[in-house]
């Protein structure tokens, strides 16, 4: 059973342990998705969370580029919604 330590799950690596999980730019995109209100999308029972879990630890360069290409529009949409809702985006 996982004990919640480093390398047990990509989400805790990024957000609890402040460790890289996938590598850049995917890590930054995932952090931005959470920052802009998309934390619920990252849960293991959601399609995006399942996609990330499947890629974690096994994705290579081309797969990470495809993943980044999928994540960028999600981040951009959440950012636009946040700005439209009055969030100050720095």
PDB file of N, CA and C in Angstrom:
ATOM      1  N   UNK A   1       0.839  -1.178   0.000  1.00  0.00           N
ATOM      2  CA  UNK A   1       0.000   0.000   0.000  1.00  0.00           C
ATOM      3  C   UNK A   1       0.890   1.249   0.000  1.00  0.00           C
ATOM      4  N   UNK A   2       0.513   2.228  -0.786  1.00  0.00           N
ATOM      5  CA  UNK A   2       1.232   3.494  -0.803  1.00  0.00           C
ATOM      6  C   UNK A   2       1.033   4.234   0.504  1.00  0.00           C
ATOM      7  N   UNK A   3       2.093   4.860   0.955  1.00  0.00           N
ATOM      8  CA  UNK A   3       2.044   5.576   2.228  1.00  0.00           C
ATOM      9  C   UNK A   3       1.975   7.092   2.042  1.00  0.00           C
ATOM     10  N   UNK A   4       1.882   7.557   0.817  1.00  0.00           N
ATOM     11  CA  UNK A   4       1.760   8.986   0.574  1.00  0.00           C
ATOM     12  C   UNK A   4       3.080   9.720   0.513  1.00  0.00           C
ATOM     13  N   UNK A   5       4.163   9.000   0.408  1.00  0.00           N
ATOM     14  CA  UNK A   5       5.477   9.619   0.340  1.00  0.00           C
ATOM     15  C   UNK A   5       5.853   9.994  -1.082  1.00  0.00           C
ATOM     16  N   UNK A   6       7.043  10.552  -1.235  1.00  0.00           N
ATOM     17  CA  UNK A   6       7.520  10.895  -2.570  1.00  0.00           C
ATOM     18  C   UNK A   6       7.493   9.677  -3.493  1.00  0.00           C
ATOM     19  N   UNK A   7       7.113   9.927  -4.722  1.00  0.00           N
ATOM     20  CA  UNK A   7       7.055   8.930  -5.799  1.00  0.00           C
ATOM     21  C   UNK A   7       5.901   7.940  -5.655  1.00  0.00           C
ATOM     22  N   UNK A   8       4.936   8.209  -4.770  1.00  0.00           N
ATOM     23  CA  UNK A   8       3.755   7.349  -4.658  1.00  0.00           C
ATOM     24  C   UNK A   8       2.669   7.733  -5.655  1.00  0.00           C
ATOM     25  N   UNK A   9       2.583   9.011  -6.007  1.00  0.00           N
ATOM     26  CA  UNK A   9       1.537   9.477  -6.921  1.00  0.00           C
ATOM     27  C   UNK A   9       1.987  10.805  -7.509  1.00  0.00           C
ATOM     28  N   UNK A  10       1.703  10.997  -8.778  1.00  0.00           N
ATOM     29  CA  UNK A  10       2.139  12.228  -9.451  1.00  0.00           C
ATOM     30  C   UNK A  10       1.565  13.475  -8.780  1.00  0.00           C
ATOM     31  N   UNK A  11       0.310  13.406  -8.294  1.00  0.00           N
ATOM     32  CA  UNK A  11      -0.334  14.585  -7.707  1.00  0.00           C
ATOM     33  C   UNK A  11       0.388  15.016  -6.429  1.00  0.00           C
ATOM     34  N   UNK A  12       0.667  14.058  -5.554  1.00  0.00           N
ATOM     35  CA  UNK A  12       1.357  14.426  -4.313  1.00  0.00           C
ATOM     36  C   UNK A  12       2.800  14.816  -4.588  1.00  0.00           C
ATOM     37  N   UNK A  13       3.415  14.215  -5.595  1.00  0.00           N
ATOM     38  CA  UNK A  13       4.766  14.652  -5.945  1.00  0.00           C
ATOM     39  C   UNK A  13       4.767  16.135  -6.302  1.00  0.00           C
ATOM     40  N   UNK A  14       3.834  16.551  -7.140  1.00  0.00           N
ATOM     41  CA  UNK A  14       3.788  17.953  -7.566  1.00  0.00           C
ATOM     42  C   UNK A  14       3.356  18.902  -6.457  1.00  0.00           C
ATOM     43  N   UNK A  15       2.288  18.548  -5.749  1.00  0.00           N
ATOM     44  CA  UNK A  15       1.653  19.527  -4.873  1.00  0.00           C
ATOM     45  C   UNK A  15       1.987  19.375  -3.397  1.00  0.00           C
ATOM     46  N   UNK A  16       2.303  18.192  -2.938  1.00  0.00           N
ATOM     47  CA  UNK A  16       2.675  18.027  -1.529  1.00  0.00           C
ATOM     48  C   UNK A  16       4.187  18.053  -1.352  1.00  0.00           C
ATOM     49  N   UNK A  17       4.874  17.331  -2.206  1.00  0.00           N
ATOM     50  CA  UNK A  17       6.320  17.194  -2.077  1.00  0.00           C
ATOM     51  C   UNK A  17       7.090  18.195  -2.923  1.00  0.00           C
ATOM     52  N   UNK A  18       6.398  18.943  -3.785  1.00  0.00           N
ATOM     53  CA  UNK A  18       7.048  19.953  -4.642  1.00  0.00           C
ATOM     54  C   UNK A  18       8.184  19.335  -5.462  1.00  0.00           C
ATOM     55  N   UNK A  19       7.921  18.136  -5.971  1.00  0.00           N
ATOM     56  CA  UNK A  19       8.887  17.409  -6.800  1.00  0.00           C
ATOM     57  C   UNK A  19       8.392  17.377  -8.241  1.00  0.00           C
ATOM     58  N   UNK A  20       9.307  17.241  -9.190  1.00  0.00           N
ATOM     59  CA  UNK A  20       8.864  17.034 -10.563  1.00  0.00           C
ATOM     60  C   UNK A  20       8.126  15.701 -10.676  1.00  0.00           C
ATOM     61  N   UNK A  21       7.138  15.664 -11.540  1.00  0.00           N
ATOM     62  CA  UNK A  21       6.385  14.428 -11.747  1.00  0.00           C
ATOM     63  C   UNK A  21       6.560  13.918 -13.179  1.00  0.00           C
ATOM     64  N   UNK A  22       6.339  14.787 -14.146  1.00  0.00           N
ATOM     65  CA  UNK A  22       6.422  14.404 -15.552  1.00  0.00           C
ATOM     66  C   UNK A  22       7.612  15.054 -16.243  1.00  0.00           C
ATOM     67  N   UNK A  23       8.000  16.210 -15.782  1.00  0.00           N
ATOM     68  CA  UNK A  23       8.988  17.038 -16.452  1.00  0.00           C
ATOM     69  C   UNK A  23       8.278  18.212 -17.108  1.00  0.00           C
ATOM     70  N   UNK A  24       9.066  19.180 -17.505  1.00  0.00           N
ATOM     71  CA  UNK A  24       8.497  20.367 -18.137  1.00  0.00           C
ATOM     72  C   UNK A  24       8.257  20.101 -19.619  1.00  0.00           C
ATOM     73  N   UNK A  25       7.236  20.702 -20.192  1.00  0.00           N
ATOM     74  CA  UNK A  25       6.317  21.700 -19.648  1.00  0.00           C
ATOM     75  C   UNK A  25       5.087  21.115 -18.953  1.00  0.00           C
ATOM     76  N   UNK A  26       4.972  19.784 -18.905  1.00  0.00           N
ATOM     77  CA  UNK A  26       3.761  19.167 -18.358  1.00  0.00           C
ATOM     78  C   UNK A  26       3.548  19.559 -16.900  1.00  0.00           C
ATOM     79  N   UNK A  27       4.606  19.536 -16.085  1.00  0.00           N
ATOM     80  CA  UNK A  27       4.440  19.888 -14.671  1.00  0.00           C
ATOM     81  C   UNK A  27       3.862  21.294 -14.510  1.00  0.00           C
ATOM     82  N   UNK A  28       4.378  22.244 -15.258  1.00  0.00           N
ATOM     83  CA  UNK A  28       3.868  23.620 -15.163  1.00  0.00           C
ATOM     84  C   UNK A  28       2.426  23.723 -15.635  1.00  0.00           C
ATOM     85  N   UNK A  29       2.085  23.014 -16.677  1.00  0.00           N
ATOM     86  CA  UNK A  29       0.704  23.035 -17.168  1.00  0.00           C
ATOM     87  C   UNK A  29      -0.251  22.466 -16.122  1.00  0.00           C
ATOM     88  N   UNK A  30       0.127  21.368 -15.487  1.00  0.00           N
ATOM     89  CA  UNK A  30      -0.723  20.771 -14.455  1.00  0.00           C
ATOM     90  C   UNK A  30      -0.865  21.728 -13.275  1.00  0.00           C
ATOM     91  N   UNK A  31       0.235  22.363 -12.866  1.00  0.00           N
ATOM     92  CA  UNK A  31       0.150  23.339 -11.767  1.00  0.00           C
ATOM     93  C   UNK A  31      -0.773  24.499 -12.143  1.00  0.00           C
ATOM     94  N   UNK A  32      -0.663  24.976 -13.374  1.00  0.00           N
ATOM     95  CA  UNK A  32      -1.533  26.067 -13.827  1.00  0.00           C
ATOM     96  C   UNK A  32      -2.998  25.640 -13.837  1.00  0.00           C
ATOM     97  N   UNK A  33      -3.275  24.429 -14.285  1.00  0.00           N
ATOM     98  CA  UNK A  33      -4.658  23.935 -14.299  1.00  0.00           C
ATOM     99  C   UNK A  33      -5.225  23.976 -12.890  1.00  0.00           C
ATOM    100  N   UNK A  34      -4.458  23.548 -11.924  1.00  0.00           N
ATOM    101  CA  UNK A  34      -4.916  23.595 -10.526  1.00  0.00           C
ATOM    102  C   UNK A  34      -5.081  25.044 -10.062  1.00  0.00           C
ATOM    103  N   UNK A  35      -4.119  25.891 -10.375  1.00  0.00           N
ATOM    104  CA  UNK A  35      -4.162  27.295  -9.957  1.00  0.00           C
ATOM    105  C   UNK A  35      -5.395  28.006 -10.493  1.00  0.00           C
ATOM    106  N   UNK A  36      -5.787  27.693 -11.722  1.00  0.00           N
ATOM    107  CA  UNK A  36      -6.916  28.370 -12.356  1.00  0.00           C
ATOM    108  C   UNK A  36      -8.253  27.685 -12.093  1.00  0.00           C
ATOM    109  N   UNK A  37      -8.302  26.843 -11.069  1.00  0.00           N
ATOM    110  CA  UNK A  37      -9.580  26.275 -10.636  1.00  0.00           C
ATOM    111  C   UNK A  37      -9.912  24.914 -11.195  1.00  0.00           C
ATOM    112  N   UNK A  38      -8.949  24.224 -11.770  1.00  0.00           N
ATOM    113  CA  UNK A  38      -9.228  22.938 -12.383  1.00  0.00           C
ATOM    114  C   UNK A  38      -8.815  21.732 -11.556  1.00  0.00           C
ATOM    115  N   UNK A  39      -8.657  21.911 -10.248  1.00  0.00           N
ATOM    116  CA  UNK A  39      -8.222  20.802  -9.401  1.00  0.00           C
ATOM    117  C   UNK A  39      -9.128  19.581  -9.555  1.00  0.00           C
ATOM    118  N   UNK A  40     -10.425  19.822  -9.681  1.00  0.00           N
ATOM    119  CA  UNK A  40     -11.366  18.702  -9.816  1.00  0.00           C
ATOM    120  C   UNK A  40     -11.095  17.872 -11.073  1.00  0.00           C
ATOM    121  N   UNK A  41     -10.521  18.478 -12.097  1.00  0.00           N
ATOM    122  CA  UNK A  41     -10.207  17.760 -13.335  1.00  0.00           C
ATOM    123  C   UNK A  41      -9.042  16.790 -13.168  1.00  0.00           C
ATOM    124  N   UNK A  42      -8.245  17.006 -12.128  1.00  0.00           N
ATOM    125  CA  UNK A  42      -7.036  16.219 -11.921  1.00  0.00           C
ATOM    126  C   UNK A  42      -7.264  14.976 -11.069  1.00  0.00           C
ATOM    127  N   UNK A  43      -8.476  14.808 -10.567  1.00  0.00           N
ATOM    128  CA  UNK A  43      -8.774  13.649  -9.717  1.00  0.00           C
ATOM    129  C   UNK A  43      -8.675  12.359 -10.520  1.00  0.00           C
ATOM    130  N   UNK A  44      -8.322  11.288  -9.838  1.00  0.00           N
ATOM    131  CA  UNK A  44      -8.153   9.989 -10.502  1.00  0.00           C
ATOM    132  C   UNK A  44      -9.430   9.461 -11.139  1.00  0.00           C
ATOM    133  N   UNK A  45     -10.586   9.941 -10.692  1.00  0.00           N
ATOM    134  CA  UNK A  45     -11.847   9.457 -11.269  1.00  0.00           C
ATOM    135  C   UNK A  45     -12.324  10.315 -12.436  1.00  0.00           C
ATOM    136  N   UNK A  46     -11.504  11.247 -12.876  1.00  0.00           N
ATOM    137  CA  UNK A  46     -11.827  12.107 -14.011  1.00  0.00           C
ATOM    138  C   UNK A  46     -10.944  11.732 -15.207  1.00  0.00           C
ATOM    139  N   UNK A  47     -11.427  11.942 -16.428  1.00  0.00           N
ATOM    140  CA  UNK A  47     -10.643  11.550 -17.608  1.00  0.00           C
ATOM    141  C   UNK A  47      -9.228  12.137 -17.634  1.00  0.00           C
ATOM    142  N   UNK A  48      -9.090  13.410 -17.308  1.00  0.00           N
ATOM    143  CA  UNK A  48      -7.762  14.016 -17.341  1.00  0.00           C
ATOM    144  C   UNK A  48      -6.869  13.411 -16.262  1.00  0.00           C
ATOM    145  N   UNK A  49      -7.402  13.203 -15.080  1.00  0.00           N
ATOM    146  CA  UNK A  49      -6.629  12.573 -14.011  1.00  0.00           C
ATOM    147  C   UNK A  49      -6.187  11.165 -14.378  1.00  0.00           C
ATOM    148  N   UNK A  50      -7.083  10.406 -15.012  1.00  0.00           N
ATOM    149  CA  UNK A  50      -6.723   9.057 -15.463  1.00  0.00           C
ATOM    150  C   UNK A  50      -5.639   9.117 -16.536  1.00  0.00           C
ATOM    151  N   UNK A  51      -5.756  10.080 -17.426  1.00  0.00           N
ATOM    152  CA  UNK A  51      -4.749  10.244 -18.490  1.00  0.00           C
ATOM    153  C   UNK A  51      -3.381  10.536 -17.882  1.00  0.00           C
ATOM    154  N   UNK A  52      -3.354  11.427 -16.897  1.00  0.00           N
ATOM    155  CA  UNK A  52      -2.093  11.759 -16.243  1.00  0.00           C
ATOM    156  C   UNK A  52      -1.536  10.563 -15.481  1.00  0.00           C
ATOM    157  N   UNK A  53      -2.398   9.841 -14.786  1.00  0.00           N
ATOM    158  CA  UNK A  53      -1.939   8.659 -14.043  1.00  0.00           C
ATOM    159  C   UNK A  53      -1.354   7.617 -14.984  1.00  0.00           C
ATOM    160  N   UNK A  54      -1.976   7.455 -16.150  1.00  0.00           N
ATOM    161  CA  UNK A  54      -1.471   6.493 -17.119  1.00  0.00           C
ATOM    162  C   UNK A  54      -0.132   6.888 -17.714  1.00  0.00           C
ATOM    163  N   UNK A  55       0.108   8.180 -17.820  1.00  0.00           N
ATOM    164  CA  UNK A  55       1.353   8.669 -18.412  1.00  0.00           C
ATOM    165  C   UNK A  55       2.484   8.769 -17.398  1.00  0.00           C
ATOM    166  N   UNK A  56       2.135   8.869 -16.131  1.00  0.00           N
ATOM    167  CA  UNK A  56       3.139   9.098 -15.089  1.00  0.00           C
ATOM    168  C   UNK A  56       4.114   7.930 -14.995  1.00  0.00           C
ATOM    169  N   UNK A  57       5.383   8.247 -15.091  1.00  0.00           N
ATOM    170  CA  UNK A  57       6.423   7.251 -14.936  1.00  0.00           C
ATOM    171  C   UNK A  57       6.708   6.418 -16.167  1.00  0.00           C
ATOM    172  N   UNK A  58       5.869   6.529 -17.183  1.00  0.00           N
ATOM    173  CA  UNK A  58       6.082   5.697 -18.362  1.00  0.00           C
ATOM    174  C   UNK A  58       6.120   6.488 -19.658  1.00  0.00           C
ATOM    175  N   UNK A  59       5.849   7.773 -19.583  1.00  0.00           N
ATOM    176  CA  UNK A  59       5.785   8.582 -20.803  1.00  0.00           C
ATOM    177  C   UNK A  59       7.191   8.943 -21.275  1.00  0.00           C
ATOM    178  N   UNK A  60       7.372   8.877 -22.578  1.00  0.00           N
ATOM    179  CA  UNK A  60       8.634   9.274 -23.180  1.00  0.00           C
ATOM    180  C   UNK A  60       8.479  10.655 -23.809  1.00  0.00           C
ATOM    181  N   UNK A  61       9.492  11.124 -24.497  1.00  0.00           N
ATOM    182  CA  UNK A  61       9.475  12.456 -25.088  1.00  0.00           C
ATOM    183  C   UNK A  61       8.278  12.738 -25.976  1.00  0.00           C
ATOM    184  N   UNK A  62       8.014  11.893 -26.984  1.00  0.00           N
ATOM    185  CA  UNK A  62       6.858  12.153 -27.848  1.00  0.00           C
ATOM    186  C   UNK A  62       5.531  12.116 -27.082  1.00  0.00           C
ATOM    187  N   UNK A  63       5.402  11.189 -26.156  1.00  0.00           N
ATOM    188  CA  UNK A  63       4.170  11.102 -25.361  1.00  0.00           C
ATOM    189  C   UNK A  63       3.996  12.345 -24.492  1.00  0.00           C
ATOM    190  N   UNK A  64       5.086  12.835 -23.910  1.00  0.00           N
ATOM    191  CA  UNK A  64       4.995  14.046 -23.088  1.00  0.00           C
ATOM    192  C   UNK A  64       4.639  15.259 -23.938  1.00  0.00           C
ATOM    193  N   UNK A  65       5.128  15.319 -25.153  1.00  0.00           N
ATOM    194  CA  UNK A  65       4.761  16.429 -26.043  1.00  0.00           C
ATOM    195  C   UNK A  65       3.277  16.372 -26.388  1.00  0.00           C
ATOM    196  N   UNK A  66       2.756  15.169 -26.633  1.00  0.00           N
ATOM    197  CA  UNK A  66       1.316  15.026 -26.901  1.00  0.00           C
ATOM    198  C   UNK A  66       0.505  15.414 -25.666  1.00  0.00           C
ATOM    199  N   UNK A  67       0.972  15.000 -24.507  1.00  0.00           N
ATOM    200  CA  UNK A  67       0.280  15.336 -23.267  1.00  0.00           C
ATOM    201  C   UNK A  67       0.272  16.849 -23.049  1.00  0.00           C
ATOM    202  N   UNK A  68       1.397  17.495 -23.275  1.00  0.00           N
ATOM    203  CA  UNK A  68       1.463  18.952 -23.142  1.00  0.00           C
ATOM    204  C   UNK A  68       0.510  19.624 -24.123  1.00  0.00           C
ATOM    205  N   UNK A  69       0.418  19.091 -25.337  1.00  0.00           N
ATOM    206  CA  UNK A  69      -0.495  19.656 -26.338  1.00  0.00           C
ATOM    207  C   UNK A  69      -1.951  19.499 -25.910  1.00  0.00           C
ATOM    208  N   UNK A  70      -2.276  18.437 -25.180  1.00  0.00           N
ATOM    209  CA  UNK A  70      -3.636  18.250 -24.660  1.00  0.00           C
ATOM    210  C   UNK A  70      -3.916  19.163 -23.469  1.00  0.00           C
ATOM    211  N   UNK A  71      -2.909  19.383 -22.642  1.00  0.00           N
ATOM    212  CA  UNK A  71      -3.097  20.167 -21.421  1.00  0.00           C
ATOM    213  C   UNK A  71      -3.163  21.670 -21.678  1.00  0.00           C
ATOM    214  N   UNK A  72      -2.443  22.149 -22.677  1.00  0.00           N
ATOM    215  CA  UNK A  72      -2.383  23.593 -22.925  1.00  0.00           C
ATOM    216  C   UNK A  72      -3.763  24.208 -23.156  1.00  0.00           C
ATOM    217  N   UNK A  73      -4.642  23.630 -23.991  1.00  0.00           N
ATOM    218  CA  UNK A  73      -5.958  24.248 -24.161  1.00  0.00           C
ATOM    219  C   UNK A  73      -6.817  24.183 -22.896  1.00  0.00           C
ATOM    220  N   UNK A  74      -6.648  23.139 -22.090  1.00  0.00           N
ATOM    221  CA  UNK A  74      -7.389  23.062 -20.823  1.00  0.00           C
ATOM    222  C   UNK A  74      -6.958  24.216 -19.925  1.00  0.00           C
ATOM    223  N   UNK A  75      -5.646  24.410 -19.811  1.00  0.00           N
ATOM    224  CA  UNK A  75      -5.116  25.520 -19.020  1.00  0.00           C
ATOM    225  C   UNK A  75      -5.598  26.861 -19.556  1.00  0.00           C
ATOM    226  N   UNK A  76      -5.544  27.021 -20.875  1.00  0.00           N
ATOM    227  CA  UNK A  76      -5.943  28.288 -21.485  1.00  0.00           C
ATOM    228  C   UNK A  76      -7.420  28.586 -21.247  1.00  0.00           C
ATOM    229  N   UNK A  77      -8.275  27.569 -21.362  1.00  0.00           N
ATOM    230  CA  UNK A  77      -9.711  27.760 -21.102  1.00  0.00           C
ATOM    231  C   UNK A  77      -9.966  28.139 -19.648  1.00  0.00           C
ATOM    232  N   UNK A  78      -9.307  27.446 -18.724  1.00  0.00           N
ATOM    233  CA  UNK A  78      -9.486  27.761 -17.301  1.00  0.00           C
ATOM    234  C   UNK A  78      -8.974  29.158 -16.982  1.00  0.00           C
ATOM    235  N   UNK A  79      -7.862  29.533 -17.591  1.00  0.00           N
ATOM    236  CA  UNK A  79      -7.314  30.872 -17.370  1.00  0.00           C
ATOM    237  C   UNK A  79      -8.291  31.936 -17.874  1.00  0.00           C
ATOM    238  N   UNK A  80      -8.852  31.720 -19.067  1.00  0.00           N
ATOM    239  CA  UNK A  80      -9.816  32.674 -19.628  1.00  0.00           C
ATOM    240  C   UNK A  80     -11.050  32.785 -18.738  1.00  0.00           C
ATOM    241  N   UNK A  81     -11.535  31.648 -18.224  1.00  0.00           N
ATOM    242  CA  UNK A  81     -12.688  31.674 -17.317  1.00  0.00           C
ATOM    243  C   UNK A  81     -12.352  32.423 -16.031  1.00  0.00           C
ATOM    244  N   UNK A  82     -11.152  32.208 -15.521  1.00  0.00           N
ATOM    245  CA  UNK A  82     -10.734  32.892 -14.294  1.00  0.00           C
ATOM    246  C   UNK A  82     -10.655  34.399 -14.519  1.00  0.00           C
ATOM    247  N   UNK A  83     -10.063  34.804 -15.628  1.00  0.00           N
ATOM    248  CA  UNK A  83      -9.968  36.233 -15.935  1.00  0.00           C
ATOM    249  C   UNK A  83     -11.348  36.842 -16.128  1.00  0.00           C
ATOM    250  N   UNK A  84     -12.241  36.127 -16.825  1.00  0.00           N
ATOM    251  CA  UNK A  84     -13.602  36.624 -17.037  1.00  0.00           C
ATOM    252  C   UNK A  84     -14.357  36.730 -15.719  1.00  0.00           C
ATOM    253  N   UNK A  85     -14.001  35.887 -14.768  1.00  0.00           N
ATOM    254  CA  UNK A  85     -14.640  35.915 -13.456  1.00  0.00           C
ATOM    255  C   UNK A  85     -14.035  36.930 -12.505  1.00  0.00           C
ATOM    256  N   UNK A  86     -13.060  37.688 -12.991  1.00  0.00           N
ATOM    257  CA  UNK A  86     -12.485  38.745 -12.180  1.00  0.00           C
ATOM    258  C   UNK A  86     -11.213  38.383 -11.434  1.00  0.00           C
ATOM    259  N   UNK A  87     -10.684  37.195 -11.668  1.00  0.00           N
ATOM    260  CA  UNK A  87      -9.425  36.834 -11.014  1.00  0.00           C
ATOM    261  C   UNK A  87      -8.314  37.700 -11.576  1.00  0.00           C
ATOM    262  N   UNK A  88      -7.410  38.099 -10.724  1.00  0.00           N
ATOM    263  CA  UNK A  88      -6.219  38.807 -11.181  1.00  0.00           C
ATOM    264  C   UNK A  88      -5.159  37.767 -11.501  1.00  0.00           C
ATOM    265  N   UNK A  89      -4.778  37.723 -12.755  1.00  0.00           N
ATOM    266  CA  UNK A  89      -3.801  36.747 -13.218  1.00  0.00           C
ATOM    267  C   UNK A  89      -2.483  37.474 -13.424  1.00  0.00           C
ATOM    268  N   UNK A  90      -1.459  36.999 -12.746  1.00  0.00           N
ATOM    269  CA  UNK A  90      -0.151  37.661 -12.811  1.00  0.00           C
ATOM    270  C   UNK A  90       0.748  37.176 -13.870  1.00  0.00           C
TER     271      UNK A  90
END
